[in-house]
All heavy atoms as atom14 arrays in JSON, in Angstrom:
{
  "sequence": "FLYLHTREKYPEPQHWDSLGKSFCNFLDVLNHCCNEKRLDHYYQANI",
  "atom14_mask": [
    [1, 1, 1, 1, 1, 1, 1, 1, 1, 1, 1, 0, 0, 0],
    [1, 1, 1, 1, 1, 1, 1, 1, 0, 0, 0, 0, 0, 0],
    [1, 1, 1, 1, 1, 1, 1, 1, 1, 1, 1, 1, 0, 0],
    [1, 1, 1, 1, 1, 1, 1, 1, 0, 0, 0, 0, 0, 0],
    [1, 1, 1, 1, 1, 1, 1, 1, 1, 1, 0, 0, 0, 0],
    [1, 1, 1, 1, 1, 1, 1, 0, 0, 0, 0, 0, 0, 0],
    [1, 1, 1, 1, 1, 1, 1, 1, 1, 1, 1, 0, 0, 0],
    [1, 1, 1, 1, 1, 1, 1, 1, 1, 0, 0, 0, 0, 0],
    [1, 1, 1, 1, 1, 1, 1, 1, 1, 0, 0, 0, 0, 0],
    [1, 1, 1, 1, 1, 1, 1, 1, 1, 1, 1, 1, 0, 0],
    [1, 1, 1, 1, 1, 1, 1, 0, 0, 0, 0, 0, 0, 0],
    [1, 1, 1, 1, 1, 1, 1, 1, 1, 0, 0, 0, 0, 0],
    [1, 1, 1, 1, 1, 1, 1, 0, 0, 0, 0, 0, 0, 0],
    [1, 1, 1, 1, 1, 1, 1, 1, 1, 0, 0, 0, 0, 0],
    [1, 1, 1, 1, 1, 1, 1, 1, 1, 1, 0, 0, 0, 0],
    [1, 1, 1, 1, 1, 1, 1, 1, 1, 1, 1, 1, 1, 1],
    [1, 1, 1, 1, 1, 1, 1, 1, 0, 0, 0, 0, 0, 0],
    [1, 1, 1, 1, 1, 1, 0, 0, 0, 0, 0, 0, 0, 0],
    [1, 1, 1, 1, 1, 1, 1, 1, 0, 0, 0, 0, 0, 0],
    [1, 1, 1, 1, 0, 0, 0, 0, 0, 0, 0, 0, 0, 0],
    [1, 1, 1, 1, 1, 1, 1, 1, 1, 0, 0, 0, 0, 0],
    [1, 1, 1, 1, 1, 1, 0, 0, 0, 0, 0, 0, 0, 0],
    [1, 1, 1, 1, 1, 1, 1, 1, 1, 1, 1, 0, 0, 0],
    [1, 1, 1, 1, 1, 1, 0, 0, 0, 0, 0, 0, 0, 0],
    [1, 1, 1, 1, 1, 1, 1, 1, 0, 0, 0, 0, 0, 0],
    [1, 1, 1, 1, 1, 1, 1, 1, 1, 1, 1, 0, 0, 0],
    [1, 1, 1, 1, 1, 1, 1, 1, 0, 0, 0, 0, 0, 0],
    [1, 1, 1, 1, 1, 1, 1, 1, 0, 0, 0, 0, 0, 0],
    [1, 1, 1, 1, 1, 1, 1, 0, 0, 0, 0, 0, 0, 0],
    [1, 1, 1, 1, 1, 1, 1, 1, 0, 0, 0, 0, 0, 0],
    [1, 1, 1, 1, 1, 1, 1, 1, 0, 0, 0, 0, 0, 0],
    [1, 1, 1, 1, 1, 1, 1, 1, 1, 1, 0, 0, 0, 0],
    [1, 1, 1, 1, 1, 1, 0, 0, 0, 0, 0, 0, 0, 0],
    [1, 1, 1, 1, 1, 1, 0, 0, 0, 0, 0, 0, 0, 0],
    [1, 1, 1, 1, 1, 1, 1, 1, 0, 0, 0, 0, 0, 0],
    [1, 1, 1, 1, 1, 1, 1, 1, 1, 0, 0, 0, 0, 0],
    [1, 1, 1, 1, 1, 1, 1, 1, 1, 0, 0, 0, 0, 0],
    [1, 1, 1, 1, 1, 1, 1, 1, 1, 1, 1, 0, 0, 0],
    [1, 1, 1, 1, 1, 1, 1, 1, 0, 0, 0, 0, 0, 0],
    [1, 1, 1, 1, 1, 1, 1, 1, 0, 0, 0, 0, 0, 0],
    [1, 1, 1, 1, 1, 1, 1, 1, 1, 1, 0, 0, 0, 0],
    [1, 1, 1, 1, 1, 1, 1, 1, 1, 1, 1, 1, 0, 0],
    [1, 1, 1, 1, 1, 1, 1, 1, 1, 1, 1, 1, 0, 0],
    [1, 1, 1, 1, 1, 1, 1, 1, 1, 0, 0, 0, 0, 0],
    [1, 1, 1, 1, 1, 0, 0, 0, 0, 0, 0, 0, 0, 0],
    [1, 1, 1, 1, 1, 1, 1, 1, 0, 0, 0, 0, 0, 0],
    [1, 1, 1, 1, 1, 1, 1, 1, 0, 0, 0, 0, 0, 0]
  ],
  "atom14_positions": [
    [[59.86, 161.53, 145.02], [58.9, 162.56, 144.62], [57.57, 161.95, 144.18], [56.51, 162.53, 144.41], [59.49, 163.43, 143.52], [60.62, 164.31, 143.99], [61.59, 164.75, 143.1], [60.72, 164.69, 145.31], [62.62, 165.56, 143.53], [61.75, 165.5, 145.75], [62.71, 165.93, 144.86], [0.0, 0.0, 0.0], [0.0, 0.0, 0.0], [0.0, 0.0, 0.0]],
    [[57.63, 160.79, 143.53], [56.39, 160.11, 143.16], [55.59, 159.75, 144.4], [54.36, 159.89, 144.44], [56.69, 158.85, 142.35], [56.97, 159.07, 140.86], [57.58, 157.82, 140.24], [55.69, 159.45, 140.11], [0.0, 0.0, 0.0], [0.0, 0.0, 0.0], [0.0, 0.0, 0.0], [0.0, 0.0, 0.0], [0.0, 0.0, 0.0], [0.0, 0.0, 0.0]],
    [[56.29, 159.28, 145.42], [55.61, 158.96, 146.68], [54.93, 160.2, 147.26], [53.75, 160.16, 147.64], [56.6, 158.38, 147.69], [56.01, 158.28, 149.07], [55.18, 157.22, 149.42], [56.24, 159.27, 150.02], [54.6, 157.15, 150.68], [55.67, 159.21, 151.28], [54.85, 158.14, 151.61], [54.28, 158.08, 152.84], [0.0, 0.0, 0.0], [0.0, 0.0, 0.0]],
    [[55.65, 161.3, 147.33], [55.11, 162.51, 147.94], [53.95, 163.08, 147.13], [52.95, 163.54, 147.7], [56.23, 163.55, 148.09], [57.34, 163.17, 149.09], [58.52, 164.13, 148.96], [56.8, 163.18, 150.51], [0.0, 0.0, 0.0], [0.0, 0.0, 0.0], [0.0, 0.0, 0.0], [0.0, 0.0, 0.0], [0.0, 0.0, 0.0], [0.0, 0.0, 0.0]],
    [[54.05, 163.05, 145.81], [52.94, 163.54, 144.98], [51.72, 162.62, 145.08], [50.58, 163.09, 144.97], [53.39, 163.67, 143.53], [54.21, 164.9, 143.25], [53.7, 166.18, 143.38], [55.51, 165.05, 142.87], [54.63, 167.05, 143.09], [55.74, 166.4, 142.77], [0.0, 0.0, 0.0], [0.0, 0.0, 0.0], [0.0, 0.0, 0.0], [0.0, 0.0, 0.0]],
    [[51.96, 161.33, 145.3], [50.83, 160.42, 145.47], [50.13, 160.7, 146.79], [48.89, 160.66, 146.87], [51.31, 158.95, 145.42], [52.03, 158.74, 144.21], [50.13, 158.0, 145.45], [0.0, 0.0, 0.0], [0.0, 0.0, 0.0], [0.0, 0.0, 0.0], [0.0, 0.0, 0.0], [0.0, 0.0, 0.0], [0.0, 0.0, 0.0], [0.0, 0.0, 0.0]],
    [[50.89, 161.0, 147.83], [50.28, 161.39, 149.11], [49.46, 162.67, 148.94], [48.4, 162.83, 149.56], [51.35, 161.61, 150.17], [52.09, 160.37, 150.62], [51.17, 159.37, 151.32], [50.46, 159.92, 152.44], [50.94, 159.96, 153.69], [52.15, 159.49, 153.94], [50.22, 160.46, 154.66], [0.0, 0.0, 0.0], [0.0, 0.0, 0.0], [0.0, 0.0, 0.0]],
    [[49.94, 163.55, 148.08], [49.23, 164.81, 147.85], [47.92, 164.57, 147.09], [46.89, 165.17, 147.41], [50.14, 165.77, 147.07], [49.53, 167.13, 146.75], [49.28, 167.96, 147.99], [49.98, 167.76, 149.01], [48.38, 168.82, 147.94], [0.0, 0.0, 0.0], [0.0, 0.0, 0.0], [0.0, 0.0, 0.0], [0.0, 0.0, 0.0], [0.0, 0.0, 0.0]],
    [[47.95, 163.68, 146.11], [46.75, 163.41, 145.32], [45.74, 162.56, 146.1], [44.53, 162.69, 145.9], [47.12, 162.7, 144.02], [45.91, 162.49, 143.09], [46.32, 161.96, 141.73], [45.09, 161.81, 140.82], [45.47, 161.34, 139.47], [0.0, 0.0, 0.0], [0.0, 0.0, 0.0], [0.0, 0.0, 0.0], [0.0, 0.0, 0.0], [0.0, 0.0, 0.0]],
    [[46.24, 161.7, 146.97], [45.38, 160.82, 147.75], [45.65, 161.05, 149.24], [46.34, 160.27, 149.9], [45.64, 159.36, 147.38], [45.28, 159.02, 145.95], [46.26, 158.95, 144.97], [43.96, 158.79, 145.58], [45.94, 158.66, 143.65], [43.62, 158.51, 144.27], [44.62, 158.44, 143.31], [44.28, 158.15, 142.0], [0.0, 0.0, 0.0], [0.0, 0.0, 0.0]],
    [[45.11, 162.15, 149.79], [45.46, 162.54, 151.16], [44.68, 161.84, 152.27], [45.12, 161.84, 153.42], [45.14, 164.04, 151.16], [44.0, 164.18, 150.18], [44.27, 163.15, 149.1], [0.0, 0.0, 0.0], [0.0, 0.0, 0.0], [0.0, 0.0, 0.0], [0.0, 0.0, 0.0], [0.0, 0.0, 0.0], [0.0, 0.0, 0.0], [0.0, 0.0, 0.0]],
    [[43.54, 161.23, 151.93], [42.67, 160.69, 152.97], [43.03, 159.26, 153.34], [43.48, 158.48, 152.5], [41.21, 160.76, 152.5], [40.72, 162.15, 152.15], [40.8, 163.1, 153.33], [40.69, 162.63, 154.49], [40.99, 164.31, 153.1], [0.0, 0.0, 0.0], [0.0, 0.0, 0.0], [0.0, 0.0, 0.0], [0.0, 0.0, 0.0], [0.0, 0.0, 0.0]],
    [[42.81, 158.86, 154.6], [43.14, 157.49, 155.05], [42.44, 156.42, 154.24], [43.01, 155.34, 154.01], [42.67, 157.49, 156.51], [42.74, 158.92, 156.94], [42.37, 159.71, 155.73], [0.0, 0.0, 0.0], [0.0, 0.0, 0.0], [0.0, 0.0, 0.0], [0.0, 0.0, 0.0], [0.0, 0.0, 0.0], [0.0, 0.0, 0.0], [0.0, 0.0, 0.0]],
    [[41.19, 156.68, 153.79], [40.45, 155.65, 153.04], [41.08, 155.37, 151.68], [40.8, 154.35, 151.05], [38.98, 156.05, 152.86], [38.74, 157.32, 152.08], [38.61, 158.54, 152.97], [39.17, 158.56, 154.08], [37.87, 159.56, 152.51], [0.0, 0.0, 0.0], [0.0, 0.0, 0.0], [0.0, 0.0, 0.0], [0.0, 0.0, 0.0], [0.0, 0.0, 0.0]],
    [[41.94, 156.25, 151.21], [42.64, 156.01, 149.96], [43.71, 154.92, 150.1], [44.24, 154.43, 149.11], [43.33, 157.29, 149.47], [42.38, 158.37, 149.08], [42.61, 159.71, 149.32], [41.17, 158.32, 148.46], [41.61, 160.43, 148.87], [40.71, 159.61, 148.34], [0.0, 0.0, 0.0], [0.0, 0.0, 0.0], [0.0, 0.0, 0.0], [0.0, 0.0, 0.0]],
    [[44.02, 154.55, 151.35], [45.13, 153.63, 151.62], [44.7, 152.44, 152.48], [45.53, 151.84, 153.15], [46.26, 154.39, 152.31], [46.72, 155.58, 151.54], [46.28, 156.87, 151.66], [47.69, 155.6, 150.48], [46.92, 157.7, 150.77], [47.79, 156.94, 150.03], [48.49, 154.63, 149.9], [48.67, 157.32, 149.01], [49.37, 155.0, 148.89], [49.44, 156.33, 148.45]],
    [[43.41, 152.09, 152.43], [42.92, 151.06, 153.35], [43.02, 149.64, 152.79], [42.57, 148.69, 153.42], [41.48, 151.36, 153.78], [40.51, 151.48, 152.6], [40.93, 151.16, 151.46], [39.36, 151.9, 152.82], [0.0, 0.0, 0.0], [0.0, 0.0, 0.0], [0.0, 0.0, 0.0], [0.0, 0.0, 0.0], [0.0, 0.0, 0.0], [0.0, 0.0, 0.0]],
    [[43.59, 149.48, 151.59], [43.86, 148.14, 151.06], [45.16, 148.18, 150.27], [45.55, 149.23, 149.75], [42.72, 147.65, 150.16], [42.74, 148.28, 148.9], [0.0, 0.0, 0.0], [0.0, 0.0, 0.0], [0.0, 0.0, 0.0], [0.0, 0.0, 0.0], [0.0, 0.0, 0.0], [0.0, 0.0, 0.0], [0.0, 0.0, 0.0], [0.0, 0.0, 0.0]],
    [[45.81, 147.03, 150.18], [47.09, 146.98, 149.48], [46.93, 147.24, 147.98], [47.7, 147.99, 147.38], [47.74, 145.6, 149.71], [49.14, 145.41, 149.1], [50.11, 146.45, 149.62], [49.65, 143.99, 149.41], [0.0, 0.0, 0.0], [0.0, 0.0, 0.0], [0.0, 0.0, 0.0], [0.0, 0.0, 0.0], [0.0, 0.0, 0.0], [0.0, 0.0, 0.0]],
    [[45.89, 146.64, 147.38], [45.66, 146.83, 145.95], [45.37, 148.28, 145.61], [45.92, 148.83, 144.64], [0.0, 0.0, 0.0], [0.0, 0.0, 0.0], [0.0, 0.0, 0.0], [0.0, 0.0, 0.0], [0.0, 0.0, 0.0], [0.0, 0.0, 0.0], [0.0, 0.0, 0.0], [0.0, 0.0, 0.0], [0.0, 0.0, 0.0], [0.0, 0.0, 0.0]],
    [[44.51, 148.9, 146.39], [44.17, 150.3, 146.15], [45.41, 151.19, 146.32], [45.64, 152.11, 145.52], [43.07, 150.74, 147.12], [42.57, 152.17, 146.89], [41.67, 152.63, 148.02], [40.41, 151.8, 148.12], [39.49, 152.32, 149.19], [0.0, 0.0, 0.0], [0.0, 0.0, 0.0], [0.0, 0.0, 0.0], [0.0, 0.0, 0.0], [0.0, 0.0, 0.0]],
    [[46.19, 150.91, 147.34], [47.38, 151.72, 147.61], [48.39, 151.61, 146.46], [48.96, 152.62, 146.03], [48.03, 151.26, 148.92], [47.14, 151.4, 150.01], [0.0, 0.0, 0.0], [0.0, 0.0, 0.0], [0.0, 0.0, 0.0], [0.0, 0.0, 0.0], [0.0, 0.0, 0.0], [0.0, 0.0, 0.0], [0.0, 0.0, 0.0], [0.0, 0.0, 0.0]],
    [[48.59, 150.4, 145.97], [49.53, 150.2, 144.86], [49.05, 150.92, 143.6], [49.82, 151.55, 142.89], [49.71, 148.7, 144.59], [50.67, 148.39, 143.5], [52.03, 148.6, 143.66], [50.23, 147.87, 142.29], [52.93, 148.31, 142.64], [51.12, 147.58, 141.26], [52.48, 147.81, 141.44], [0.0, 0.0, 0.0], [0.0, 0.0, 0.0], [0.0, 0.0, 0.0]],
    [[47.74, 150.85, 143.34], [47.18, 151.52, 142.16], [47.29, 153.04, 142.26], [47.37, 153.72, 141.24], [45.73, 151.1, 141.96], [45.55, 149.42, 141.31], [0.0, 0.0, 0.0], [0.0, 0.0, 0.0], [0.0, 0.0, 0.0], [0.0, 0.0, 0.0], [0.0, 0.0, 0.0], [0.0, 0.0, 0.0], [0.0, 0.0, 0.0], [0.0, 0.0, 0.0]],
    [[47.29, 153.56, 143.47], [47.49, 155.0, 143.64], [48.83, 155.44, 143.05], [48.92, 156.45, 142.34], [47.46, 155.38, 145.13], [46.07, 155.25, 145.73], [45.07, 155.16, 145.02], [46.0, 155.22, 147.05], [0.0, 0.0, 0.0], [0.0, 0.0, 0.0], [0.0, 0.0, 0.0], [0.0, 0.0, 0.0], [0.0, 0.0, 0.0], [0.0, 0.0, 0.0]],
    [[49.89, 154.66, 143.34], [51.21, 154.99, 142.81], [51.24, 154.86, 141.28], [51.82, 155.69, 140.58], [52.27, 154.09, 143.44], [52.48, 154.34, 144.9], [52.23, 153.35, 145.84], [52.93, 155.58, 145.35], [52.42, 153.58, 147.19], [53.12, 155.82, 146.71], [52.87, 154.82, 147.62], [0.0, 0.0, 0.0], [0.0, 0.0, 0.0], [0.0, 0.0, 0.0]],
    [[50.59, 153.8, 140.76], [50.54, 153.63, 139.31], [49.8, 154.78, 138.64], [50.2, 155.25, 137.57], [49.85, 152.3, 138.97], [50.58, 151.01, 139.32], [49.73, 149.81, 138.93], [51.94, 150.94, 138.65], [0.0, 0.0, 0.0], [0.0, 0.0, 0.0], [0.0, 0.0, 0.0], [0.0, 0.0, 0.0], [0.0, 0.0, 0.0], [0.0, 0.0, 0.0]],
    [[48.72, 155.22, 139.27], [47.91, 156.3, 138.7], [48.73, 157.59, 138.59], [48.7, 158.27, 137.54], [46.68, 156.54, 139.57], [45.84, 157.71, 139.07], [45.43, 157.69, 137.9], [45.61, 158.65, 139.86], [0.0, 0.0, 0.0], [0.0, 0.0, 0.0], [0.0, 0.0, 0.0], [0.0, 0.0, 0.0], [0.0, 0.0, 0.0], [0.0, 0.0, 0.0]],
    [[49.47, 157.92, 139.63], [50.26, 159.16, 139.62], [51.39, 159.05, 138.6], [51.66, 160.0, 137.86], [50.8, 159.46, 141.03], [51.81, 160.61, 140.98], [49.65, 159.83, 141.96], [0.0, 0.0, 0.0], [0.0, 0.0, 0.0], [0.0, 0.0, 0.0], [0.0, 0.0, 0.0], [0.0, 0.0, 0.0], [0.0, 0.0, 0.0], [0.0, 0.0, 0.0]],
    [[52.03, 157.89, 138.53], [53.1, 157.7, 137.54], [52.55, 157.8, 136.12], [53.16, 158.44, 135.25], [53.78, 156.35, 137.75], [54.86, 155.98, 136.73], [55.96, 157.04, 136.68], [55.45, 154.61, 137.05], [0.0, 0.0, 0.0], [0.0, 0.0, 0.0], [0.0, 0.0, 0.0], [0.0, 0.0, 0.0], [0.0, 0.0, 0.0], [0.0, 0.0, 0.0]],
    [[51.39, 157.21, 135.88], [50.77, 157.27, 134.55], [50.43, 158.71, 134.18], [50.63, 159.15, 133.04], [49.52, 156.41, 134.52], [48.95, 156.26, 133.14], [49.59, 155.76, 132.22], [47.71, 156.72, 132.95], [0.0, 0.0, 0.0], [0.0, 0.0, 0.0], [0.0, 0.0, 0.0], [0.0, 0.0, 0.0], [0.0, 0.0, 0.0], [0.0, 0.0, 0.0]],
    [[49.92, 159.46, 135.16], [49.6, 160.88, 134.92], [50.87, 161.67, 134.59], [50.85, 162.52, 133.68], [48.92, 161.47, 136.16], [48.63, 162.94, 136.03], [47.6, 163.44, 135.27], [49.26, 164.03, 136.57], [47.59, 164.76, 135.33], [48.58, 165.14, 136.12], [0.0, 0.0, 0.0], [0.0, 0.0, 0.0], [0.0, 0.0, 0.0], [0.0, 0.0, 0.0]],
    [[51.97, 161.38, 135.29], [53.23, 162.06, 135.01], [53.72, 161.76, 133.59], [54.26, 162.63, 132.91], [54.29, 161.64, 136.03], [54.02, 162.28, 137.7], [0.0, 0.0, 0.0], [0.0, 0.0, 0.0], [0.0, 0.0, 0.0], [0.0, 0.0, 0.0], [0.0, 0.0, 0.0], [0.0, 0.0, 0.0], [0.0, 0.0, 0.0], [0.0, 0.0, 0.0]],
    [[53.5, 160.51, 133.16], [53.88, 160.14, 131.8], [53.02, 160.89, 130.77], [53.52, 161.33, 129.73], [53.74, 158.63, 131.6], [54.98, 157.66, 132.48], [0.0, 0.0, 0.0], [0.0, 0.0, 0.0], [0.0, 0.0, 0.0], [0.0, 0.0, 0.0], [0.0, 0.0, 0.0], [0.0, 0.0, 0.0], [0.0, 0.0, 0.0], [0.0, 0.0, 0.0]],
    [[51.72, 161.01, 131.05], [50.83, 161.75, 130.15], [51.28, 163.21, 130.02], [51.28, 163.77, 128.92], [49.39, 161.7, 130.67], [48.7, 160.4, 130.34], [49.02, 159.74, 129.35], [47.74, 160.0, 131.16], [0.0, 0.0, 0.0], [0.0, 0.0, 0.0], [0.0, 0.0, 0.0], [0.0, 0.0, 0.0], [0.0, 0.0, 0.0], [0.0, 0.0, 0.0]],
    [[51.62, 163.8, 131.15], [52.01, 165.21, 131.17], [53.48, 165.41, 130.81], [53.92, 166.54, 130.6], [51.74, 165.79, 132.56], [50.29, 165.77, 133.0], [49.42, 166.64, 132.12], [49.88, 167.76, 131.76], [48.29, 166.23, 131.8], [0.0, 0.0, 0.0], [0.0, 0.0, 0.0], [0.0, 0.0, 0.0], [0.0, 0.0, 0.0], [0.0, 0.0, 0.0]],
    [[54.24, 164.29, 130.79], [55.69, 164.34, 130.58], [56.33, 165.29, 131.59], [57.23, 166.08, 131.29], [56.02, 164.79, 129.15], [55.45, 163.87, 128.09], [55.74, 164.35, 126.7], [55.1, 163.43, 125.66], [55.32, 163.87, 124.27], [0.0, 0.0, 0.0], [0.0, 0.0, 0.0], [0.0, 0.0, 0.0], [0.0, 0.0, 0.0], [0.0, 0.0, 0.0]],
    [[55.89, 165.11, 132.84], [56.34, 166.03, 133.89], [56.26, 165.37, 135.27], [55.23, 164.78, 135.62], [55.49, 167.3, 133.88], [55.95, 168.34, 134.88], [55.17, 169.64, 134.8], [55.79, 170.65, 135.65], [56.77, 171.45, 135.27], [57.21, 171.4, 134.03], [57.3, 172.32, 136.11], [0.0, 0.0, 0.0], [0.0, 0.0, 0.0], [0.0, 0.0, 0.0]],
    [[57.34, 165.46, 136.0], [57.36, 165.1, 137.42], [57.95, 166.29, 138.16], [59.14, 166.59, 138.04], [58.21, 163.84, 137.66], [58.47, 163.47, 139.13], [57.15, 163.21, 139.86], [59.4, 162.27, 139.24], [0.0, 0.0, 0.0], [0.0, 0.0, 0.0], [0.0, 0.0, 0.0], [0.0, 0.0, 0.0], [0.0, 0.0, 0.0], [0.0, 0.0, 0.0]],
    [[57.11, 166.99, 138.92], [57.57, 168.19, 139.61], [58.46, 167.85, 140.79], [58.2, 166.93, 141.55], [56.37, 169.0, 140.11], [55.65, 169.72, 138.99], [56.31, 170.52, 138.29], [54.44, 169.48, 138.8], [0.0, 0.0, 0.0], [0.0, 0.0, 0.0], [0.0, 0.0, 0.0], [0.0, 0.0, 0.0], [0.0, 0.0, 0.0], [0.0, 0.0, 0.0]],
    [[59.52, 168.63, 140.93], [60.36, 168.58, 142.13], [59.45, 168.92, 143.31], [58.72, 169.91, 143.29], [61.48, 169.6, 141.99], [62.61, 169.44, 142.96], [62.43, 169.48, 144.32], [63.94, 169.24, 142.76], [63.61, 169.33, 144.92], [64.53, 169.17, 143.99], [0.0, 0.0, 0.0], [0.0, 0.0, 0.0], [0.0, 0.0, 0.0], [0.0, 0.0, 0.0]],
    [[59.48, 168.11, 144.36], [58.52, 168.33, 145.45], [58.94, 169.47, 146.37], [58.11, 170.04, 147.07], [58.34, 167.06, 146.27], [57.06, 167.09, 147.09], [55.83, 166.84, 146.48], [57.09, 167.41, 148.45], [54.66, 166.9, 147.22], [55.92, 167.47, 149.18], [54.71, 167.21, 148.57], [53.54, 167.28, 149.3], [0.0, 0.0, 0.0], [0.0, 0.0, 0.0]],
    [[60.22, 169.84, 146.36], [60.7, 170.86, 147.28], [61.09, 172.16, 146.6], [61.51, 173.11, 147.26], [61.92, 170.35, 148.05], [61.68, 169.06, 148.81], [62.62, 168.03, 148.78], [60.52, 168.87, 149.56], [62.42, 166.85, 149.48], [60.31, 167.69, 150.25], [61.26, 166.68, 150.21], [61.05, 165.51, 150.9], [0.0, 0.0, 0.0], [0.0, 0.0, 0.0]],
    [[60.97, 172.22, 145.27], [61.41, 173.41, 144.55], [60.46, 173.7, 143.4], [60.16, 172.8, 142.6], [62.83, 173.21, 144.02], [63.41, 174.43, 143.31], [64.83, 174.2, 142.84], [65.44, 173.19, 143.19], [65.37, 175.12, 142.06], [0.0, 0.0, 0.0], [0.0, 0.0, 0.0], [0.0, 0.0, 0.0], [0.0, 0.0, 0.0], [0.0, 0.0, 0.0]],
    [[59.99, 174.91, 143.29], [59.02, 175.29, 142.27], [59.64, 175.3, 140.88], [60.83, 175.6, 140.7], [58.44, 176.67, 142.59], [0.0, 0.0, 0.0], [0.0, 0.0, 0.0], [0.0, 0.0, 0.0], [0.0, 0.0, 0.0], [0.0, 0.0, 0.0], [0.0, 0.0, 0.0], [0.0, 0.0, 0.0], [0.0, 0.0, 0.0], [0.0, 0.0, 0.0]],
    [[58.81, 174.93, 139.89], [59.15, 175.08, 138.46], [60.35, 174.24, 138.0], [61.09, 174.65, 137.11], [59.4, 176.56, 138.12], [58.21, 177.43, 138.45], [57.07, 177.05, 138.22], [58.47, 178.6, 139.02], [0.0, 0.0, 0.0], [0.0, 0.0, 0.0], [0.0, 0.0, 0.0], [0.0, 0.0, 0.0], [0.0, 0.0, 0.0], [0.0, 0.0, 0.0]],
    [[60.52, 173.07, 138.59], [61.56, 172.15, 138.16], [60.91, 170.84, 137.75], [60.22, 170.19, 138.55], [62.6, 171.88, 139.27], [63.31, 173.16, 139.66], [63.6, 170.81, 138.82], [64.17, 173.76, 138.57], [0.0, 0.0, 0.0], [0.0, 0.0, 0.0], [0.0, 0.0, 0.0], [0.0, 0.0, 0.0], [0.0, 0.0, 0.0], [0.0, 0.0, 0.0]]
  ]
}
């Protein structure tokens, strides 16, 4: 689900054109989930 939400937050090809940038994308989404204390189920609403 972290992978899928990261694709959702960073949908454009230029978001993934380097290894460092790509890895930081995953860290950013995980950090945001920690801030919100929430990781949404990607296939089911309100979970």
